[in-house]
PDB file of N, CA and C in Angstrom:
ATOM      1  N   MET A   1       7.932   9.745  -8.752  1.00  0.00           N
ATOM      2  CA  MET A   1       8.270   9.212  -7.437  1.00  0.00           C
ATOM      3  C   MET A   1       7.031   9.313  -6.546  1.00  0.00           C
ATOM      4  N   ILE A   2       6.786   8.248  -5.809  1.00  0.00           N
ATOM      5  CA  ILE A   2       5.609   8.194  -4.952  1.00  0.00           C
ATOM      6  C   ILE A   2       6.045   7.749  -3.553  1.00  0.00           C
ATOM      7  N   ASP A   3       5.458   8.353  -2.525  1.00  0.00           N
ATOM      8  CA  ASP A   3       5.709   7.937  -1.144  1.00  0.00           C
ATOM      9  C   ASP A   3       4.729   6.828  -0.792  1.00  0.00           C
ATOM     10  N   VAL A   4       5.242   5.722  -0.277  1.00  0.00           N
ATOM     11  CA  VAL A   4       4.386   4.619   0.156  1.00  0.00           C
ATOM     12  C   VAL A   4       4.588   4.453   1.656  1.00  0.00           C
ATOM     13  N   LEU A   5       3.485   4.525   2.398  1.00  0.00           N
ATOM     14  CA  LEU A   5       3.527   4.429   3.856  1.00  0.00           C
ATOM     15  C   LEU A   5       2.839   3.145   4.302  1.00  0.00           C
ATOM     16  N   TYR A   6       3.401   2.532   5.346  1.00  0.00           N
ATOM     17  CA  TYR A   6       2.859   1.296   5.891  1.00  0.00           C
ATOM     18  C   TYR A   6       2.583   1.503   7.380  1.00  0.00           C
ATOM     19  N   PHE A   7       1.421   1.033   7.840  1.00  0.00           N
ATOM     20  CA  PHE A   7       1.036   1.213   9.231  1.00  0.00           C
ATOM     21  C   PHE A   7       0.695  -0.124   9.887  1.00  0.00           C
ATOM     22  N   ALA A   8       0.838  -0.161  11.215  1.00  0.00           N
ATOM     23  CA  ALA A   8       0.464  -1.302  12.062  1.00  0.00           C
ATOM     24  C   ALA A   8       1.170  -2.582  11.603  1.00  0.00           C
ATOM     25  N   TRP A   9       0.430  -3.675  11.478  1.00  0.00           N
ATOM     26  CA  TRP A   9       1.068  -4.947  11.136  1.00  0.00           C
ATOM     27  C   TRP A   9       1.614  -4.959   9.718  1.00  0.00           C
ATOM     28  N   VAL A  10       1.130  -4.094   8.846  1.00  0.00           N
ATOM     29  CA  VAL A  10       1.685  -4.009   7.488  1.00  0.00           C
ATOM     30  C   VAL A  10       3.150  -3.561   7.589  1.00  0.00           C
ATOM     31  N   ARG A  11       3.388  -2.533   8.389  1.00  0.00           N
ATOM     32  CA  ARG A  11       4.754  -2.032   8.613  1.00  0.00           C
ATOM     33  C   ARG A  11       5.614  -3.125   9.247  1.00  0.00           C
ATOM     34  N   GLU A  12       5.061  -3.852  10.198  1.00  0.00           N
ATOM     35  CA  GLU A  12       5.814  -4.911  10.871  1.00  0.00           C
ATOM     36  C   GLU A  12       6.246  -6.004   9.898  1.00  0.00           C
ATOM     37  N   ARG A  13       5.379  -6.381   8.988  1.00  0.00           N
ATOM     38  CA  ARG A  13       5.715  -7.449   8.029  1.00  0.00           C
ATOM     39  C   ARG A  13       6.724  -6.975   6.991  1.00  0.00           C
ATOM     40  N   ILE A  14       6.603  -5.725   6.562  1.00  0.00           N
ATOM     41  CA  ILE A  14       7.507  -5.216   5.532  1.00  0.00           C
ATOM     42  C   ILE A  14       8.837  -4.771   6.146  1.00  0.00           C
ATOM     43  N   GLY A  15       8.778  -4.238   7.353  1.00  0.00           N
ATOM     44  CA  GLY A  15      10.002  -3.888   8.048  1.00  0.00           C
ATOM     45  C   GLY A  15      10.435  -2.435   7.933  1.00  0.00           C
ATOM     46  N   VAL A  16       9.668  -1.626   7.226  1.00  0.00           N
ATOM     47  CA  VAL A  16       9.950  -0.190   7.127  1.00  0.00           C
ATOM     48  C   VAL A  16       8.638   0.583   7.213  1.00  0.00           C
ATOM     49  N   PRO A  17       8.661   1.807   7.754  1.00  0.00           N
ATOM     50  CA  PRO A  17       7.427   2.582   7.857  1.00  0.00           C
ATOM     51  C   PRO A  17       7.047   3.286   6.553  1.00  0.00           C
ATOM     52  N   ARG A  18       8.052   3.540   5.693  1.00  0.00           N
ATOM     53  CA  ARG A  18       7.767   4.255   4.437  1.00  0.00           C
ATOM     54  C   ARG A  18       8.913   4.038   3.469  1.00  0.00           C
ATOM     55  N   GLU A  19       8.618   4.247   2.194  1.00  0.00           N
ATOM     56  CA  GLU A  19       9.653   4.223   1.169  1.00  0.00           C
ATOM     57  C   GLU A  19       9.208   5.053  -0.016  1.00  0.00           C
ATOM     58  N   LYS A  20      10.182   5.545  -0.764  1.00  0.00           N
ATOM     59  CA  LYS A  20       9.902   6.280  -1.997  1.00  0.00           C
ATOM     60  C   LYS A  20      10.118   5.317  -3.151  1.00  0.00           C
ATOM     61  N   LEU A  21       9.160   5.288  -4.070  1.00  0.00           N
ATOM     62  CA  LEU A  21       9.239   4.340  -5.180  1.00  0.00           C
ATOM     63  C   LEU A  21       9.046   5.030  -6.518  1.00  0.00           C
ATOM     64  N   ASP A  22       9.783   4.552  -7.484  1.00  0.00           N
ATOM     65  CA  ASP A  22       9.493   4.848  -8.880  1.00  0.00           C
ATOM     66  C   ASP A  22       8.632   3.697  -9.357  1.00  0.00           C
ATOM     67  N   THR A  23       7.489   3.983  -9.918  1.00  0.00           N
ATOM     68  CA  THR A  23       6.588   2.907 -10.320  1.00  0.00           C
ATOM     69  C   THR A  23       5.964   3.201 -11.673  1.00  0.00           C
ATOM     70  N   THR A  24       5.628   2.135 -12.382  1.00  0.00           N
ATOM     71  CA  THR A  24       4.885   2.257 -13.632  1.00  0.00           C
ATOM     72  C   THR A  24       3.436   1.836 -13.421  1.00  0.00           C
ATOM     73  N   ALA A  25       3.072   1.578 -12.163  1.00  0.00           N
ATOM     74  CA  ALA A  25       1.724   1.115 -11.829  1.00  0.00           C
ATOM     75  C   ALA A  25       0.676   2.160 -12.218  1.00  0.00           C
ATOM     76  N   VAL A  26      -0.424   1.682 -12.758  1.00  0.00           N
ATOM     77  CA  VAL A  26      -1.533   2.551 -13.155  1.00  0.00           C
ATOM     78  C   VAL A  26      -2.556   2.661 -12.035  1.00  0.00           C
ATOM     79  N   THR A  27      -2.746   1.555 -11.295  1.00  0.00           N
ATOM     80  CA  THR A  27      -3.709   1.525 -10.190  1.00  0.00           C
ATOM     81  C   THR A  27      -3.015   1.054  -8.916  1.00  0.00           C
ATOM     82  N   VAL A  28      -3.709   1.175  -7.807  1.00  0.00           N
ATOM     83  CA  VAL A  28      -3.186   0.680  -6.531  1.00  0.00           C
ATOM     84  C   VAL A  28      -2.920  -0.818  -6.638  1.00  0.00           C
ATOM     85  N   ARG A  29      -3.826  -1.538  -7.258  1.00  0.00           N
ATOM     86  CA  ARG A  29      -3.665  -2.989  -7.416  1.00  0.00           C
ATOM     87  C   ARG A  29      -2.390  -3.313  -8.191  1.00  0.00           C
ATOM     88  N   ASP A  30      -2.082  -2.519  -9.218  1.00  0.00           N
ATOM     89  CA  ASP A  30      -0.835  -2.697  -9.981  1.00  0.00           C
ATOM     90  C   ASP A  30       0.384  -2.452  -9.091  1.00  0.00           C
ATOM     91  N   LEU A  31       0.300  -1.434  -8.241  1.00  0.00           N
ATOM     92  CA  LEU A  31       1.402  -1.131  -7.322  1.00  0.00           C
ATOM     93  C   LEU A  31       1.632  -2.307  -6.368  1.00  0.00           C
ATOM     94  N   ILE A  32       0.550  -2.864  -5.850  1.00  0.00           N
ATOM     95  CA  ILE A  32       0.664  -4.022  -4.958  1.00  0.00           C
ATOM     96  C   ILE A  32       1.333  -5.182  -5.694  1.00  0.00           C
ATOM     97  N   ALA A  33       0.952  -5.415  -6.943  1.00  0.00           N
ATOM     98  CA  ALA A  33       1.564  -6.498  -7.727  1.00  0.00           C
ATOM     99  C   ALA A  33       3.066  -6.265  -7.888  1.00  0.00           C
ATOM    100  N   GLU A  34       3.472  -5.016  -8.127  1.00  0.00           N
ATOM    101  CA  GLU A  34       4.903  -4.691  -8.228  1.00  0.00           C
ATOM    102  C   GLU A  34       5.614  -4.978  -6.910  1.00  0.00           C
ATOM    103  N   LEU A  35       5.006  -4.588  -5.807  1.00  0.00           N
ATOM    104  CA  LEU A  35       5.622  -4.801  -4.497  1.00  0.00           C
ATOM    105  C   LEU A  35       5.740  -6.284  -4.172  1.00  0.00           C
ATOM    106  N   VAL A  36       4.676  -7.032  -4.415  1.00  0.00           N
ATOM    107  CA  VAL A  36       4.660  -8.469  -4.121  1.00  0.00           C
ATOM    108  C   VAL A  36       5.742  -9.194  -4.921  1.00  0.00           C
ATOM    109  N   ALA A  37       6.000  -8.722  -6.131  1.00  0.00           N
ATOM    110  CA  ALA A  37       7.016  -9.351  -6.979  1.00  0.00           C
ATOM    111  C   ALA A  37       8.439  -9.076  -6.480  1.00  0.00           C
ATOM    112  N   ARG A  38       8.608  -8.091  -5.616  1.00  0.00           N
ATOM    113  CA  ARG A  38       9.935  -7.712  -5.125  1.00  0.00           C
ATOM    114  C   ARG A  38      10.524  -8.716  -4.153  1.00  0.00           C
ATOM    115  N   GLU A  39       9.773  -9.008  -3.086  1.00  0.00           N
ATOM    116  CA  GLU A  39      10.292  -9.835  -1.998  1.00  0.00           C
ATOM    117  C   GLU A  39       9.148 -10.523  -1.268  1.00  0.00           C
ATOM    118  N   GLU A  40       9.493 -11.589  -0.557  1.00  0.00           N
ATOM    119  CA  GLU A  40       8.488 -12.357   0.174  1.00  0.00           C
ATOM    120  C   GLU A  40       7.804 -11.532   1.264  1.00  0.00           C
ATOM    121  N   ARG A  41       8.531 -10.607   1.873  1.00  0.00           N
ATOM    122  CA  ARG A  41       7.928  -9.813   2.955  1.00  0.00           C
ATOM    123  C   ARG A  41       6.731  -8.998   2.449  1.00  0.00           C
ATOM    124  N   TYR A  42       6.779  -8.538   1.204  1.00  0.00           N
ATOM    125  CA  TYR A  42       5.646  -7.811   0.625  1.00  0.00           C
ATOM    126  C   TYR A  42       4.502  -8.779   0.326  1.00  0.00           C
ATOM    127  N   GLU A  43       4.857  -9.973  -0.142  1.00  0.00           N
ATOM    128  CA  GLU A  43       3.847 -10.989  -0.410  1.00  0.00           C
ATOM    129  C   GLU A  43       3.072 -11.312   0.864  1.00  0.00           C
ATOM    130  N   LEU A  44       3.775 -11.418   1.983  1.00  0.00           N
ATOM    131  CA  LEU A  44       3.122 -11.685   3.266  1.00  0.00           C
ATOM    132  C   LEU A  44       2.219 -10.522   3.685  1.00  0.00           C
ATOM    133  N   ALA A  45       2.689  -9.312   3.484  1.00  0.00           N
ATOM    134  CA  ALA A  45       1.927  -8.130   3.896  1.00  0.00           C
ATOM    135  C   ALA A  45       0.646  -7.950   3.076  1.00  0.00           C
ATOM    136  N   PHE A  46       0.698  -8.323   1.793  1.00  0.00           N
ATOM    137  CA  PHE A  46      -0.445  -8.091   0.907  1.00  0.00           C
ATOM    138  C   PHE A  46      -1.190  -9.371   0.549  1.00  0.00           C
ATOM    139  N   ALA A  47      -1.024 -10.424   1.351  1.00  0.00           N
ATOM    140  CA  ALA A  47      -1.639 -11.715   1.051  1.00  0.00           C
ATOM    141  C   ALA A  47      -3.167 -11.674   1.109  1.00  0.00           C
ATOM    142  N   ASP A  48      -3.713 -10.839   1.967  1.00  0.00           N
ATOM    143  CA  ASP A  48      -5.171 -10.785   2.138  1.00  0.00           C
ATOM    144  C   ASP A  48      -5.642  -9.341   2.020  1.00  0.00           C
ATOM    145  N   LEU A  49      -6.012  -8.936   0.826  1.00  0.00           N
ATOM    146  CA  LEU A  49      -6.422  -7.542   0.600  1.00  0.00           C
ATOM    147  C   LEU A  49      -7.711  -7.191   1.333  1.00  0.00           C
ATOM    148  N   ASP A  50      -8.511  -8.190   1.695  1.00  0.00           N
ATOM    149  CA  ASP A  50      -9.733  -7.909   2.450  1.00  0.00           C
ATOM    150  C   ASP A  50      -9.418  -7.367   3.843  1.00  0.00           C
ATOM    151  N   SER A  51      -8.199  -7.610   4.320  1.00  0.00           N
ATOM    152  CA  SER A  51      -7.827  -7.126   5.654  1.00  0.00           C
ATOM    153  C   SER A  51      -6.995  -5.847   5.573  1.00  0.00           C
ATOM    154  N   LEU A  52      -7.016  -5.186   4.416  1.00  0.00           N
ATOM    155  CA  LEU A  52      -6.256  -3.950   4.223  1.00  0.00           C
ATOM    156  C   LEU A  52      -7.135  -2.825   3.717  1.00  0.00           C
ATOM    157  N   ARG A  53      -6.720  -1.623   4.010  1.00  0.00           N
ATOM    158  CA  ARG A  53      -7.330  -0.416   3.453  1.00  0.00           C
ATOM    159  C   ARG A  53      -6.214   0.397   2.818  1.00  0.00           C
ATOM    160  N   VAL A  54      -6.588   1.273   1.923  1.00  0.00           N
ATOM    161  CA  VAL A  54      -5.602   2.125   1.265  1.00  0.00           C
ATOM    162  C   VAL A  54      -6.122   3.559   1.221  1.00  0.00           C
ATOM    163  N   ALA A  55      -5.219   4.494   1.386  1.00  0.00           N
ATOM    164  CA  ALA A  55      -5.550   5.918   1.253  1.00  0.00           C
ATOM    165  C   ALA A  55      -4.601   6.527   0.228  1.00  0.00           C
ATOM    166  N   LEU A  56      -5.155   7.334  -0.644  1.00  0.00           N
ATOM    167  CA  LEU A  56      -4.365   8.060  -1.636  1.00  0.00           C
ATOM    168  C   LEU A  56      -4.394   9.527  -1.263  1.00  0.00           C
ATOM    169  N   ASP A  57      -3.223  10.097  -1.045  1.00  0.00           N
ATOM    170  CA  ASP A  57      -3.122  11.481  -0.580  1.00  0.00           C
ATOM    171  C   ASP A  57      -4.070  11.748   0.589  1.00  0.00           C
ATOM    172  N   GLN A  58      -4.075  10.806   1.537  1.00  0.00           N
ATOM    173  CA  GLN A  58      -4.812  10.876   2.802  1.00  0.00           C
ATOM    174  C   GLN A  58      -6.332  10.799   2.658  1.00  0.00           C
ATOM    175  N   GLU A  59      -6.798  10.226   1.539  1.00  0.00           N
ATOM    176  CA  GLU A  59      -8.235   9.990   1.365  1.00  0.00           C
ATOM    177  C   GLU A  59      -8.461   8.516   1.104  1.00  0.00           C
ATOM    178  N   LEU A  60      -9.356   7.903   1.891  1.00  0.00           N
ATOM    179  CA  LEU A  60      -9.667   6.492   1.729  1.00  0.00           C
ATOM    180  C   LEU A  60     -10.045   6.213   0.280  1.00  0.00           C
ATOM    181  N   SER A  61      -9.516   5.126  -0.258  1.00  0.00           N
ATOM    182  CA  SER A  61      -9.722   4.836  -1.667  1.00  0.00           C
ATOM    183  C   SER A  61      -9.901   3.337  -1.874  1.00  0.00           C
ATOM    184  N   SER A  62      -9.952   2.928  -3.142  1.00  0.00           N
ATOM    185  CA  SER A  62     -10.098   1.505  -3.468  1.00  0.00           C
ATOM    186  C   SER A  62      -8.818   1.013  -4.142  1.00  0.00           C
ATOM    187  N   PHE A  63      -8.680  -0.296  -4.203  1.00  0.00           N
ATOM    188  CA  PHE A  63      -7.502  -0.888  -4.823  1.00  0.00           C
ATOM    189  C   PHE A  63      -7.502  -0.706  -6.340  1.00  0.00           C
ATOM    190  N   ASP A  64      -8.645  -0.374  -6.908  1.00  0.00           N
ATOM    191  CA  ASP A  64      -8.719  -0.145  -8.356  1.00  0.00           C
ATOM    192  C   ASP A  64      -8.557   1.327  -8.725  1.00  0.00           C
ATOM    193  N   ALA A  65      -8.312   2.176  -7.737  1.00  0.00           N
ATOM    194  CA  ALA A  65      -8.171   3.616  -7.979  1.00  0.00           C
ATOM    195  C   ALA A  65      -6.898   3.898  -8.787  1.00  0.00           C
ATOM    196  N   PRO A  66      -6.978   4.874  -9.699  1.00  0.00           N
ATOM    197  CA  PRO A  66      -5.796   5.245 -10.483  1.00  0.00           C
ATOM    198  C   PRO A  66      -4.775   6.000  -9.637  1.00  0.00           C
ATOM    199  N   LEU A  67      -3.505   5.832  -9.997  1.00  0.00           N
ATOM    200  CA  LEU A  67      -2.420   6.491  -9.268  1.00  0.00           C
ATOM    201  C   LEU A  67      -1.950   7.787  -9.939  1.00  0.00           C
ATOM    202  N   ALA A  68      -2.519   8.132 -11.077  1.00  0.00           N
ATOM    203  CA  ALA A  68      -2.094   9.341 -11.794  1.00  0.00           C
ATOM    204  C   ALA A  68      -2.211  10.563 -10.879  1.00  0.00           C
ATOM    205  N   GLY A  69      -1.118  11.272 -10.701  1.00  0.00           N
ATOM    206  CA  GLY A  69      -1.116  12.486  -9.898  1.00  0.00           C
ATOM    207  C   GLY A  69      -1.029  12.263  -8.392  1.00  0.00           C
ATOM    208  N   VAL A  70      -1.051  11.015  -7.952  1.00  0.00           N
ATOM    209  CA  VAL A  70      -1.002  10.715  -6.524  1.00  0.00           C
ATOM    210  C   VAL A  70       0.441  10.857  -6.019  1.00  0.00           C
ATOM    211  N   ARG A  71       0.586  11.498  -4.860  1.00  0.00           N
ATOM    212  CA  ARG A  71       1.919  11.679  -4.264  1.00  0.00           C
ATOM    213  C   ARG A  71       2.184  10.700  -3.131  1.00  0.00           C
ATOM    214  N   GLU A  72       1.091  10.237  -2.459  1.00  0.00           N
ATOM    215  CA  GLU A  72       1.257   9.379  -1.287  1.00  0.00           C
ATOM    216  C   GLU A  72       0.218   8.267  -1.276  1.00  0.00           C
ATOM    217  N   VAL A  73       0.701   7.046  -1.038  1.00  0.00           N
ATOM    218  CA  VAL A  73      -0.171   5.877  -0.876  1.00  0.00           C
ATOM    219  C   VAL A  73       0.105   5.309   0.503  1.00  0.00           C
ATOM    220  N   ALA A  74      -0.946   5.084   1.287  1.00  0.00           N
ATOM    221  CA  ALA A  74      -0.792   4.524   2.630  1.00  0.00           C
ATOM    222  C   ALA A  74      -1.605   3.242   2.741  1.00  0.00           C
ATOM    223  N   PHE A  75      -0.971   2.199   3.284  1.00  0.00           N
ATOM    224  CA  PHE A  75      -1.628   0.923   3.512  1.00  0.00           C
ATOM    225  C   PHE A  75      -1.753   0.690   5.006  1.00  0.00           C
ATOM    226  N   PHE A  76      -2.940   0.246   5.459  1.00  0.00           N
ATOM    227  CA  PHE A  76      -3.183   0.046   6.882  1.00  0.00           C
ATOM    228  C   PHE A  76      -4.349  -0.922   7.065  1.00  0.00           C
ATOM    229  N   PRO A  77      -4.435  -1.547   8.248  1.00  0.00           N
ATOM    230  CA  PRO A  77      -5.583  -2.393   8.539  1.00  0.00           C
ATOM    231  C   PRO A  77      -6.824  -1.549   8.789  1.00  0.00           C
ATOM    232  N   PRO A  78      -8.014  -2.139   8.673  1.00  0.00           N
ATOM    233  CA  PRO A  78      -9.236  -1.388   8.955  1.00  0.00           C
ATOM    234  C   PRO A  78      -9.207  -0.833  10.389  1.00  0.00           C
ATOM    235  N   MET A  79      -9.777   0.318  10.557  1.00  0.00           N
ATOM    236  CA  MET A  79      -9.852   0.924  11.894  1.00  0.00           C
ATOM    237  C   MET A  79     -10.950   0.234  12.678  1.00  0.00           C
ATOM    238  N   THR A  80     -10.718   0.078  13.971  1.00  0.00           N
ATOM    239  CA  THR A  80     -11.747  -0.478  14.834  1.00  0.00           C
ATOM    240  C   THR A  80     -12.113   0.541  15.891  1.00  0.00           C
ATOM    241  N   GLY A  81     -13.342   0.498  16.296  1.00  0.00           N
ATOM    242  CA  GLY A  81     -13.807   1.437  17.323  1.00  0.00           C
ATOM    243  C   GLY A  81     -13.440   0.953  18.713  1.00  0.00           C
ATOM    244  N   GLY A  82     -13.723   1.802  19.694  1.00  0.00           N
ATOM    245  CA  GLY A  82     -13.479   1.320  21.033  1.00  0.00           C
ATOM    246  C   GLY A  82     -13.095   2.347  22.010  1.00  0.00           C
TER     247      GLY A  82
END
């Protein structure tokens, strides 16, 4: 079981701030493919990966990172200064 968290407009498009998932995904990219296959709202949220960042157990990571041993995946837009 893995906790998946959504922030900012990602949360708005999906409609929930977090969910617990059972997944067979090996990488973050695999997890995204599983989510996109579920419903259109996920497809909309993950349509442009260049506008997203991911953190695994609160550490910035890449979409090709392995999920083995990961407890939490968070998706969010890039941070801006100001």
